[in-house]
Amino acid sequence: MDFALAFLVGGALCLAAQLVLDLTRVTPAHVMVLFVSLGAVASGAGLYEPLVKLGGAGAIVPLPAFGHALVDGIVREVGRTGPLGLLTGGFDAVALGLTVAVVSALLAAAIFNPRG
């Protein structure tokens, strides 16, 4: 059942992004920013965590989860260190994911012949 819920939640998020791309003149870059921002707002309003509990990986993997991770990290760090957490919490929460993305891109560019 967990797999089905993850598939449905993740699929619904991806479907929403695809509909925005197909039905508007918004660029993919704008959709990325929109969905990260929506994830951050939903997390700040307390709406994204129940979605994570319901959909598991289906809610953790798509773009809104990045915004959720930023806000969640900031809230945790502000509670732990005070106002300094506003600056450090987001970095602490997403550092591993960003590092993996950068190193993977570097390896792919070293192995393959990038265009452009």
C-alpha atoms as a PDB file:
ATOM      1  CA  MET A   1       0.000   0.000   0.000  1.00  0.00           C
ATOM      2  CA  ASP A   2       2.910   2.347   0.737  1.00  0.00           C
ATOM      3  CA  PHE A   3       4.165   1.968  -2.831  1.00  0.00           C
ATOM      4  CA  ALA A   4       0.766   2.829  -4.251  1.00  0.00           C
ATOM      5  CA  LEU A   5       0.448   5.949  -2.087  1.00  0.00           C
ATOM      6  CA  ALA A   6       3.969   7.052  -3.006  1.00  0.00           C
ATOM      7  CA  PHE A   7       3.161   6.545  -6.673  1.00  0.00           C
ATOM      8  CA  LEU A   8      -0.116   8.457  -6.435  1.00  0.00           C
ATOM      9  CA  VAL A   9       1.283  11.407  -4.447  1.00  0.00           C
ATOM     10  CA  GLY A  10       4.444  11.700  -6.546  1.00  0.00           C
ATOM     11  CA  GLY A  11       2.464  11.265  -9.728  1.00  0.00           C
ATOM     12  CA  ALA A  12      -0.012  13.956  -8.707  1.00  0.00           C
ATOM     13  CA  LEU A  13       2.813  16.424  -8.012  1.00  0.00           C
ATOM     14  CA  CYS A  14       4.489  15.632 -11.317  1.00  0.00           C
ATOM     15  CA  LEU A  15       1.157  15.821 -13.155  1.00  0.00           C
ATOM     16  CA  ALA A  16       0.537  19.266 -11.693  1.00  0.00           C
ATOM     17  CA  ALA A  17       3.956  20.452 -12.898  1.00  0.00           C
ATOM     18  CA  GLN A  18       3.383  18.981 -16.347  1.00  0.00           C
ATOM     19  CA  LEU A  19      -0.038  20.633 -16.625  1.00  0.00           C
ATOM     20  CA  VAL A  20       1.491  23.996 -15.743  1.00  0.00           C
ATOM     21  CA  LEU A  21       4.082  23.469 -18.484  1.00  0.00           C
ATOM     22  CA  ASP A  22       1.551  22.309 -21.065  1.00  0.00           C
ATOM     23  CA  LEU A  23      -1.271  24.760 -20.386  1.00  0.00           C
ATOM     24  CA  THR A  24       0.705  27.958 -19.825  1.00  0.00           C
ATOM     25  CA  ARG A  25       3.604  29.747 -21.437  1.00  0.00           C
ATOM     26  CA  VAL A  26       5.706  29.325 -18.296  1.00  0.00           C
ATOM     27  CA  THR A  27       9.255  28.074 -18.845  1.00  0.00           C
ATOM     28  CA  PRO A  28      10.620  24.970 -17.107  1.00  0.00           C
ATOM     29  CA  ALA A  29      12.888  27.169 -14.983  1.00  0.00           C
ATOM     30  CA  HIS A  30       9.891  29.135 -13.746  1.00  0.00           C
ATOM     31  CA  VAL A  31       8.030  25.913 -12.940  1.00  0.00           C
ATOM     32  CA  MET A  32      11.011  24.716 -10.886  1.00  0.00           C
ATOM     33  CA  VAL A  33      11.070  27.943  -8.886  1.00  0.00           C
ATOM     34  CA  LEU A  34       7.283  27.888  -8.520  1.00  0.00           C
ATOM     35  CA  PHE A  35       7.189  24.337  -7.172  1.00  0.00           C
ATOM     36  CA  VAL A  36      10.113  24.830  -4.774  1.00  0.00           C
ATOM     37  CA  SER A  37       8.411  27.994  -3.506  1.00  0.00           C
ATOM     38  CA  LEU A  38       5.050  26.233  -3.171  1.00  0.00           C
ATOM     39  CA  GLY A  39       6.743  23.461  -1.208  1.00  0.00           C
ATOM     40  CA  ALA A  40       8.323  26.045   1.107  1.00  0.00           C
ATOM     41  CA  VAL A  41       5.009  27.849   1.649  1.00  0.00           C
ATOM     42  CA  ALA A  42       3.158  24.569   2.227  1.00  0.00           C
ATOM     43  CA  SER A  43       5.813  23.505   4.712  1.00  0.00           C
ATOM     44  CA  GLY A  44       5.629  26.805   6.545  1.00  0.00           C
ATOM     45  CA  ALA A  45       1.853  26.457   6.755  1.00  0.00           C
ATOM     46  CA  GLY A  46       2.177  22.921   8.110  1.00  0.00           C
ATOM     47  CA  LEU A  47       0.604  21.316   5.037  1.00  0.00           C
ATOM     48  CA  TYR A  48       3.573  19.502   3.509  1.00  0.00           C
ATOM     49  CA  GLU A  49       4.538  17.276   6.457  1.00  0.00           C
ATOM     50  CA  PRO A  50       1.175  15.412   6.390  1.00  0.00           C
ATOM     51  CA  LEU A  51       1.727  14.879   2.660  1.00  0.00           C
ATOM     52  CA  VAL A  52       5.158  13.392   3.420  1.00  0.00           C
ATOM     53  CA  LYS A  53       3.612  11.097   6.027  1.00  0.00           C
ATOM     54  CA  LEU A  54       0.953  10.004   3.515  1.00  0.00           C
ATOM     55  CA  GLY A  55       3.055   9.678   0.367  1.00  0.00           C
ATOM     56  CA  GLY A  56       6.531   8.900   1.693  1.00  0.00           C
ATOM     57  CA  ALA A  57       9.056   8.979  -1.132  1.00  0.00           C
ATOM     58  CA  GLY A  58       6.369  10.240  -3.502  1.00  0.00           C
ATOM     59  CA  ALA A  59       6.377  13.507  -1.562  1.00  0.00           C
ATOM     60  CA  ILE A  60      10.077  13.593  -0.650  1.00  0.00           C
ATOM     61  CA  VAL A  61      11.554  13.256  -4.140  1.00  0.00           C
ATOM     62  CA  PRO A  62       9.771  15.934  -6.278  1.00  0.00           C
ATOM     63  CA  LEU A  63      10.704  19.617  -6.352  1.00  0.00           C
ATOM     64  CA  PRO A  64       8.332  20.846  -3.622  1.00  0.00           C
ATOM     65  CA  ALA A  65      10.276  18.652  -1.188  1.00  0.00           C
ATOM     66  CA  PHE A  66      13.344  20.860  -1.688  1.00  0.00           C
ATOM     67  CA  GLY A  67      11.393  23.877  -0.466  1.00  0.00           C
ATOM     68  CA  HIS A  68      10.031  21.780   2.390  1.00  0.00           C
ATOM     69  CA  ALA A  69      13.557  20.698   3.367  1.00  0.00           C
ATOM     70  CA  LEU A  70      14.757  24.314   3.367  1.00  0.00           C
ATOM     71  CA  VAL A  71      11.949  25.518   5.622  1.00  0.00           C
ATOM     72  CA  ASP A  72      12.160  22.476   7.876  1.00  0.00           C
ATOM     73  CA  GLY A  73      15.913  23.005   8.314  1.00  0.00           C
ATOM     74  CA  ILE A  74      15.450  26.698   9.061  1.00  0.00           C
ATOM     75  CA  VAL A  75      12.733  26.044  11.646  1.00  0.00           C
ATOM     76  CA  ARG A  76      14.881  23.393  13.351  1.00  0.00           C
ATOM     77  CA  GLU A  77      17.980  25.594  13.455  1.00  0.00           C
ATOM     78  CA  VAL A  78      16.114  28.675  14.687  1.00  0.00           C
ATOM     79  CA  GLY A  79      14.789  26.585  17.548  1.00  0.00           C
ATOM     80  CA  ARG A  80      18.269  25.302  18.315  1.00  0.00           C
ATOM     81  CA  THR A  81      20.547  28.322  17.733  1.00  0.00           C
ATOM     82  CA  GLY A  82      18.207  31.303  17.552  1.00  0.00           C
ATOM     83  CA  PRO A  83      18.142  33.892  14.757  1.00  0.00           C
ATOM     84  CA  LEU A  84      21.403  32.611  13.264  1.00  0.00           C
ATOM     85  CA  GLY A  85      19.427  29.546  12.205  1.00  0.00           C
ATOM     86  CA  LEU A  86      17.688  31.678   9.569  1.00  0.00           C
ATOM     87  CA  LEU A  87      20.981  31.784   7.689  1.00  0.00           C
ATOM     88  CA  THR A  88      22.384  28.329   8.406  1.00  0.00           C
ATOM     89  CA  GLY A  89      19.354  26.033   8.698  1.00  0.00           C
ATOM     90  CA  GLY A  90      18.520  25.805   5.011  1.00  0.00           C
ATOM     91  CA  PHE A  91      22.113  25.078   4.037  1.00  0.00           C
ATOM     92  CA  ASP A  92      22.432  22.411   6.694  1.00  0.00           C
ATOM     93  CA  ALA A  93      19.228  20.675   5.566  1.00  0.00           C
ATOM     94  CA  VAL A  94      20.011  20.450   1.845  1.00  0.00           C
ATOM     95  CA  ALA A  95      23.821  20.304   1.794  1.00  0.00           C
ATOM     96  CA  LEU A  96      24.051  16.571   1.120  1.00  0.00           C
ATOM     97  CA  GLY A  97      21.548  16.632  -1.739  1.00  0.00           C
ATOM     98  CA  LEU A  98      23.236  19.590  -3.416  1.00  0.00           C
ATOM     99  CA  THR A  99      26.670  18.023  -3.008  1.00  0.00           C
ATOM    100  CA  VAL A 100      25.519  14.778  -4.620  1.00  0.00           C
ATOM    101  CA  ALA A 101      23.970  16.718  -7.523  1.00  0.00           C
ATOM    102  CA  VAL A 102      27.128  18.771  -8.143  1.00  0.00           C
ATOM    103  CA  VAL A 103      29.503  15.788  -7.885  1.00  0.00           C
ATOM    104  CA  SER A 104      27.250  13.676 -10.138  1.00  0.00           C
ATOM    105  CA  ALA A 105      27.166  16.439 -12.739  1.00  0.00           C
ATOM    106  CA  LEU A 106      30.950  16.772 -12.561  1.00  0.00           C
ATOM    107  CA  LEU A 107      31.441  13.027 -13.039  1.00  0.00           C
ATOM    108  CA  ALA A 108      28.962  12.918 -15.917  1.00  0.00           C
ATOM    109  CA  ALA A 109      30.754  15.818 -17.623  1.00  0.00           C
ATOM    110  CA  ALA A 110      34.121  14.097 -17.122  1.00  0.00           C
ATOM    111  CA  ILE A 111      32.906  10.766 -18.523  1.00  0.00           C
ATOM    112  CA  PHE A 112      30.738  12.000 -21.384  1.00  0.00           C
ATOM    113  CA  ASN A 113      31.179  14.769 -23.937  1.00  0.00           C
ATOM    114  CA  PRO A 114      28.882  17.599 -22.801  1.00  0.00           C
ATOM    115  CA  ARG A 115      27.328  19.810 -25.448  1.00  0.00           C
ATOM    116  CA  GLY A 116      27.250  23.531 -24.852  1.00  0.00           C
END
